[in-house]
Amino acid sequence: MKKQEIVGIFRKRLLESMQTRGLNQSALSRETGVDRSTLSQLLAEENLRMPRADTVASLARSLQVSTDWLLGLSQDSRFGAEILRQSFEVAPHEQSPADDNLKRWYEEAEGLKIRYVPVQLPDVVKTDQVLEYEYGEVAERPVSRAKEQARYHLNFSRGPDNDLEICMPLQNLLGFCRGEGLWRDLGREARAEQIDAMLETLEELYPSVRLYLYDSRKRYSVPYTIFGARRAAVYVGQMYFAFTTTEYVRVLVRHFDNLVRNAEVHAHEAVDFLKSQAISS
């Protein structure tokens, strides 16, 4: 993008956010401490100079927008996190707001690298029986929606240009294989079929889908998904905190890459490791 275009985007968004907040140049000058003459220059159509970083930061803070958006680096004007709650209404034929947003985020990230730390097992490999067991009692997310989303994730991962890295705790996988914790009432046969399905998916889609296992005694992570460099969504239970500010996304990318670097089982070892944990039905 040419400098003139960048300056033009900044001027347009500065003016737009001033109008949204009902601030004229005098009021914004008082709030930010930025000289009115400087603001006039920034808003002038013939201006080709960008403001200093501290000026941008002051303007963004007072106008309650992100610096990335003001500079044209993001399409989302909000700073911090946007909270997307799932609907608590049981509507079998309607997707919840969170499901709708997840699908949109995946579609926007087509062709980009997606990094994923699942809650338990990755949705992309779950069998219907495991989904029925896991979501059978969850009113906020009927099994039909869980199955639909899992199928969507699998079909998305089969796309020729898509790239998915999954990093999950080793203990979660071992606990599933042994029928411990959450999985204690899930039968051996169902668990065996799930491991077989996981193996089949990884063998079919590797290297575009890669699984890493880290030791949760040495590393810790909440569940989250990073969609390229555009967005990171942290799952906290029936809601997502979605970050679009570049610096926040980069922090989670570094966290994910650190999990991968310190993995006990790397992607090229995952299939053999799963075979060693095979469950006889």
Protein backbone atom coordinates (compact mmCIF):
# COMPACT_ATOMS: atom_id res chain seq x y z
CA MET A 1 0.00 0.00 0.00
CA LYS A 2 1.33 3.44 -0.95
CA LYS A 3 2.00 6.06 1.70
CA GLN A 4 -0.69 8.30 0.25
CA GLU A 5 -3.26 5.52 0.63
CA ILE A 6 -2.21 4.85 4.24
CA VAL A 7 -2.52 8.53 5.12
CA GLY A 8 -5.90 8.62 3.42
CA ILE A 9 -7.19 5.66 5.45
CA PHE A 10 -5.91 7.23 8.67
CA ARG A 11 -7.60 10.56 7.87
CA LYS A 12 -10.90 8.89 6.96
CA ARG A 13 -10.95 6.74 10.10
CA LEU A 14 -9.91 9.61 12.34
CA LEU A 15 -12.77 11.72 11.04
CA GLU A 16 -15.21 8.80 11.24
CA SER A 17 -14.36 8.05 14.87
CA MET A 18 -14.57 11.75 15.80
CA GLN A 19 -18.08 11.88 14.33
CA THR A 20 -19.07 8.68 16.14
CA ARG A 21 -18.02 10.14 19.47
CA GLY A 22 -19.41 13.57 18.68
CA LEU A 23 -16.06 15.35 19.06
CA ASN A 24 -14.89 18.33 17.08
CA GLN A 25 -11.23 19.28 16.74
CA SER A 26 -11.29 21.54 19.80
CA ALA A 27 -12.81 18.84 22.04
CA LEU A 28 -10.44 16.15 20.76
CA SER A 29 -7.50 18.49 21.30
CA ARG A 30 -8.54 18.99 24.92
CA GLU A 31 -8.98 15.26 25.52
CA THR A 32 -5.72 14.17 23.92
CA GLY A 33 -3.39 17.12 24.49
CA VAL A 34 -2.70 17.15 20.75
CA ASP A 35 -2.51 20.71 19.37
CA ARG A 36 -5.53 21.77 17.36
CA SER A 37 -3.22 22.92 14.57
CA THR A 38 -1.76 19.39 14.42
CA LEU A 39 -5.25 17.90 14.19
CA SER A 40 -6.16 20.33 11.43
CA GLN A 41 -3.08 19.28 9.52
CA LEU A 42 -3.86 15.56 9.97
CA LEU A 43 -7.41 16.06 8.69
CA ALA A 44 -6.39 18.18 5.70
CA GLU A 45 -6.85 16.35 2.38
CA GLU A 46 -3.52 17.63 1.07
CA ASN A 47 -1.64 16.21 4.08
CA LEU A 48 0.79 13.38 3.23
CA ARG A 49 2.48 12.96 6.62
CA MET A 50 1.65 10.40 9.29
CA PRO A 51 1.56 11.48 12.96
CA ARG A 52 4.05 10.32 15.56
CA ALA A 53 3.37 7.05 17.38
CA ASP A 54 2.52 8.79 20.66
CA THR A 55 0.01 11.01 18.84
CA VAL A 56 -1.69 7.97 17.27
CA ALA A 57 -1.83 6.26 20.67
CA SER A 58 -3.40 9.34 22.32
CA LEU A 59 -5.98 9.69 19.56
CA ALA A 60 -6.91 6.00 19.66
CA ARG A 61 -7.26 6.03 23.44
CA SER A 62 -9.55 9.07 23.46
CA LEU A 63 -11.61 7.88 20.50
CA GLN A 64 -11.92 4.37 22.01
CA VAL A 65 -10.63 2.57 18.93
CA SER A 66 -7.57 0.39 18.35
CA THR A 67 -4.39 1.90 16.96
CA ASP A 68 -4.31 -0.91 14.38
CA TRP A 69 -7.72 0.10 13.06
CA LEU A 70 -6.83 3.78 12.99
CA LEU A 71 -3.71 2.99 10.94
CA GLY A 72 -5.55 0.66 8.56
CA LEU A 73 -3.94 -2.53 9.91
CA SER A 74 -7.20 -4.03 11.16
CA GLN A 75 -10.83 -4.04 10.02
CA ASP A 76 -12.11 -4.16 13.60
CA SER A 77 -12.24 -0.78 15.35
CA ARG A 78 -12.66 -2.23 18.83
CA PHE A 79 -9.80 -2.62 21.23
CA GLY A 80 -9.45 -5.33 23.82
CA ALA A 81 -11.69 -8.35 23.35
CA GLU A 82 -15.08 -8.71 21.83
CA ILE A 83 -17.19 -11.20 23.79
CA LEU A 84 -19.41 -13.49 21.80
CA ARG A 85 -21.88 -15.44 23.95
CA GLN A 86 -23.54 -18.60 22.79
CA SER A 87 -27.31 -18.56 22.79
CA PHE A 88 -28.80 -20.42 25.74
CA GLU A 89 -31.97 -21.14 23.79
CA VAL A 90 -32.20 -24.69 22.49
CA ALA A 91 -32.80 -24.23 18.76
CA PRO A 92 -31.91 -27.51 16.93
CA HIS A 93 -32.27 -25.98 13.46
CA GLU A 94 -30.44 -22.75 14.19
CA GLN A 95 -26.80 -22.20 14.86
CA SER A 96 -25.80 -20.23 17.90
CA PRO A 97 -24.04 -16.83 17.46
CA ALA A 98 -20.74 -18.41 18.51
CA ASP A 99 -21.08 -21.18 15.90
CA ASP A 100 -21.91 -18.59 13.24
CA ASN A 101 -18.85 -16.57 14.13
CA LEU A 102 -16.56 -19.59 14.21
CA LYS A 103 -17.66 -20.56 10.72
CA ARG A 104 -17.09 -17.01 9.49
CA TRP A 105 -13.65 -16.88 11.11
CA TYR A 106 -12.65 -20.15 9.42
CA GLU A 107 -13.90 -18.92 6.07
CA GLU A 108 -11.94 -15.68 6.45
CA ALA A 109 -8.80 -17.70 7.27
CA GLU A 110 -9.01 -19.97 4.23
CA GLY A 111 -5.51 -20.46 2.86
CA LEU A 112 -3.93 -19.21 6.10
CA LYS A 113 -2.32 -21.14 8.92
CA ILE A 114 -4.68 -22.03 11.75
CA ARG A 115 -3.28 -22.88 15.19
CA TYR A 116 -5.58 -24.74 17.55
CA VAL A 117 -5.43 -25.77 21.23
CA PRO A 118 -8.59 -27.86 21.84
CA VAL A 119 -10.58 -28.21 25.05
CA GLN A 120 -10.24 -32.01 25.01
CA LEU A 121 -9.86 -33.85 21.71
CA PRO A 122 -9.75 -31.82 18.48
CA ASP A 123 -13.21 -31.41 16.92
CA VAL A 124 -11.78 -32.23 13.51
CA VAL A 125 -11.19 -35.88 14.53
CA LYS A 126 -14.18 -36.60 16.79
CA THR A 127 -16.54 -39.44 16.00
CA ASP A 128 -20.31 -39.03 16.30
CA GLN A 129 -20.33 -41.33 19.32
CA VAL A 130 -17.78 -39.21 21.16
CA LEU A 131 -19.70 -36.02 20.28
CA GLU A 132 -22.94 -37.57 21.56
CA TYR A 133 -21.23 -38.53 24.80
CA GLU A 134 -19.53 -35.15 25.22
CA TYR A 135 -22.46 -32.87 24.33
CA GLY A 136 -25.45 -35.07 25.23
CA GLU A 137 -26.20 -33.09 28.40
CA VAL A 138 -25.22 -29.63 27.15
CA ALA A 139 -28.37 -27.60 26.53
CA GLU A 140 -26.47 -24.61 25.15
CA ARG A 141 -25.02 -26.63 22.32
CA PRO A 142 -27.13 -29.53 21.04
CA VAL A 143 -25.35 -32.57 19.66
CA SER A 144 -26.61 -31.80 16.15
CA ARG A 145 -24.71 -28.50 16.15
CA ALA A 146 -21.58 -30.10 17.57
CA LYS A 147 -21.65 -32.73 14.81
CA GLU A 148 -22.27 -30.12 12.13
CA GLN A 149 -19.35 -28.02 13.32
CA ALA A 150 -17.01 -31.04 13.57
CA ARG A 151 -17.88 -32.04 10.00
CA TYR A 152 -17.33 -28.48 8.83
CA HIS A 153 -13.87 -28.40 10.47
CA LEU A 154 -12.93 -31.71 8.85
CA ASN A 155 -14.10 -30.62 5.39
CA PHE A 156 -12.33 -27.28 5.83
CA SER A 157 -9.09 -29.08 6.73
CA ARG A 158 -9.35 -31.10 3.53
CA GLY A 159 -9.13 -27.90 1.48
CA PRO A 160 -6.03 -27.92 -0.74
CA ASP A 161 -4.60 -24.63 0.61
CA ASN A 162 -5.49 -25.01 4.29
CA ASP A 163 -2.96 -25.61 7.03
CA LEU A 164 -3.92 -26.70 10.56
CA GLU A 165 -1.63 -27.17 13.56
CA ILE A 166 -3.12 -28.78 16.65
CA CYS A 167 -1.30 -28.73 19.97
CA MET A 168 -2.89 -30.45 22.96
CA PRO A 169 -1.83 -31.84 26.33
CA LEU A 170 -0.38 -35.35 26.21
CA GLN A 171 -2.30 -36.12 29.41
CA ASN A 172 -5.65 -35.39 27.73
CA LEU A 173 -4.99 -38.02 25.08
CA LEU A 174 -3.68 -40.59 27.56
CA GLY A 175 -6.67 -39.96 29.85
CA PHE A 176 -9.01 -40.62 26.93
CA CYS A 177 -7.24 -43.84 25.99
CA ARG A 178 -7.47 -45.06 29.60
CA GLY A 179 -11.06 -43.94 30.12
CA GLU A 180 -10.16 -41.52 32.90
CA GLY A 181 -11.85 -38.34 34.13
CA LEU A 182 -14.43 -37.04 31.67
CA TRP A 183 -14.21 -40.27 29.68
CA ARG A 184 -14.71 -42.80 32.46
CA ASP A 185 -18.27 -43.66 31.32
CA LEU A 186 -17.40 -43.90 27.64
CA GLY A 187 -17.03 -47.53 26.62
CA ARG A 188 -13.79 -49.10 25.47
CA GLU A 189 -15.18 -49.82 22.00
CA ALA A 190 -16.19 -46.18 21.47
CA ARG A 191 -12.76 -45.00 22.60
CA ALA A 192 -11.05 -47.52 20.32
CA GLU A 193 -13.11 -46.30 17.34
CA GLN A 194 -12.18 -42.71 18.20
CA ILE A 195 -8.44 -43.44 18.23
CA ASP A 196 -8.81 -45.28 14.91
CA ALA A 197 -10.65 -42.28 13.43
CA MET A 198 -7.95 -39.95 14.73
CA LEU A 199 -5.29 -42.11 13.13
CA GLU A 200 -7.17 -42.23 9.84
CA THR A 201 -7.59 -38.44 9.73
CA LEU A 202 -3.95 -37.71 10.55
CA GLU A 203 -2.67 -40.25 8.01
CA GLU A 204 -4.99 -38.84 5.34
CA LEU A 205 -4.29 -35.14 5.91
CA TYR A 206 -0.66 -34.98 7.11
CA PRO A 207 1.24 -32.69 6.60
CA SER A 208 -1.55 -30.13 6.10
CA VAL A 209 -2.94 -31.24 9.48
CA ARG A 210 -0.29 -31.70 12.18
CA LEU A 211 -0.74 -32.86 15.77
CA TYR A 212 1.66 -32.01 18.60
CA LEU A 213 1.40 -33.21 22.20
CA TYR A 214 2.86 -31.18 25.06
CA ASP A 215 3.31 -32.13 28.72
CA SER A 216 0.77 -30.16 30.79
CA ARG A 217 3.01 -30.57 33.85
CA LYS A 218 5.60 -28.39 32.10
CA ARG A 219 3.40 -26.09 30.02
CA TYR A 220 -0.10 -24.69 30.41
CA SER A 221 -2.66 -23.41 27.95
CA VAL A 222 -6.30 -22.48 27.78
CA PRO A 223 -8.21 -23.57 24.66
CA TYR A 224 -7.90 -21.14 21.76
CA THR A 225 -7.72 -20.88 17.98
CA ILE A 226 -5.58 -18.49 15.95
CA PHE A 227 -6.83 -17.68 12.45
CA GLY A 228 -3.75 -16.68 10.46
CA ALA A 229 -2.58 -13.28 11.71
CA ARG A 230 -6.09 -11.82 11.70
CA ARG A 231 -7.80 -13.09 14.84
CA ALA A 232 -7.34 -15.21 17.95
CA ALA A 233 -10.36 -16.64 19.77
CA VAL A 234 -9.96 -17.83 23.37
CA TYR A 235 -12.65 -20.25 24.55
CA VAL A 236 -13.78 -19.80 28.15
CA GLY A 237 -16.92 -21.95 28.15
CA GLN A 238 -20.05 -21.01 26.17
CA MET A 239 -18.30 -17.84 24.97
CA TYR A 240 -15.25 -16.68 23.10
CA PHE A 241 -12.96 -13.73 23.68
CA ALA A 242 -11.93 -12.74 20.15
CA PHE A 243 -8.86 -10.55 19.65
CA THR A 244 -8.21 -8.77 16.37
CA THR A 245 -5.50 -6.36 17.47
CA THR A 246 -2.20 -7.39 15.88
CA GLU A 247 -0.14 -7.31 19.05
CA TYR A 248 -2.61 -9.52 20.95
CA VAL A 249 -2.69 -12.09 18.13
CA ARG A 250 1.11 -12.12 18.03
CA VAL A 251 1.30 -12.85 21.77
CA LEU A 252 -0.85 -15.96 21.32
CA VAL A 253 1.11 -17.01 18.21
CA ARG A 254 4.30 -16.90 20.29
CA HIS A 255 2.60 -18.87 23.06
CA PHE A 256 1.46 -21.54 20.59
CA ASP A 257 4.86 -21.76 18.92
CA ASN A 258 6.41 -22.23 22.35
CA LEU A 259 4.07 -25.16 23.01
CA VAL A 260 5.11 -26.70 19.69
CA ARG A 261 8.83 -26.21 20.33
CA ASN A 262 8.53 -27.92 23.70
CA ALA A 263 6.21 -30.73 22.56
CA GLU A 264 6.88 -34.25 23.83
CA VAL A 265 5.43 -35.73 20.63
CA HIS A 266 5.98 -33.89 17.35
CA ALA A 267 3.80 -34.04 14.25
CA HIS A 268 5.92 -36.61 12.42
CA GLU A 269 5.73 -38.87 15.51
CA ALA A 270 2.01 -38.49 16.22
CA VAL A 271 0.74 -41.42 14.14
CA ASP A 272 3.24 -43.88 15.63
CA PHE A 273 2.45 -42.60 19.13
CA LEU A 274 -1.28 -43.07 18.59
CA LYS A 275 -0.68 -46.61 17.30
CA SER A 276 1.25 -47.36 20.49
CA GLN A 277 -1.80 -46.26 22.51
CA ALA A 278 -4.27 -48.30 20.45
CA ILE A 279 -7.23 -49.60 22.46
CA SER A 280 -8.47 -53.11 21.87
CA SER A 281 -12.26 -53.20 21.68
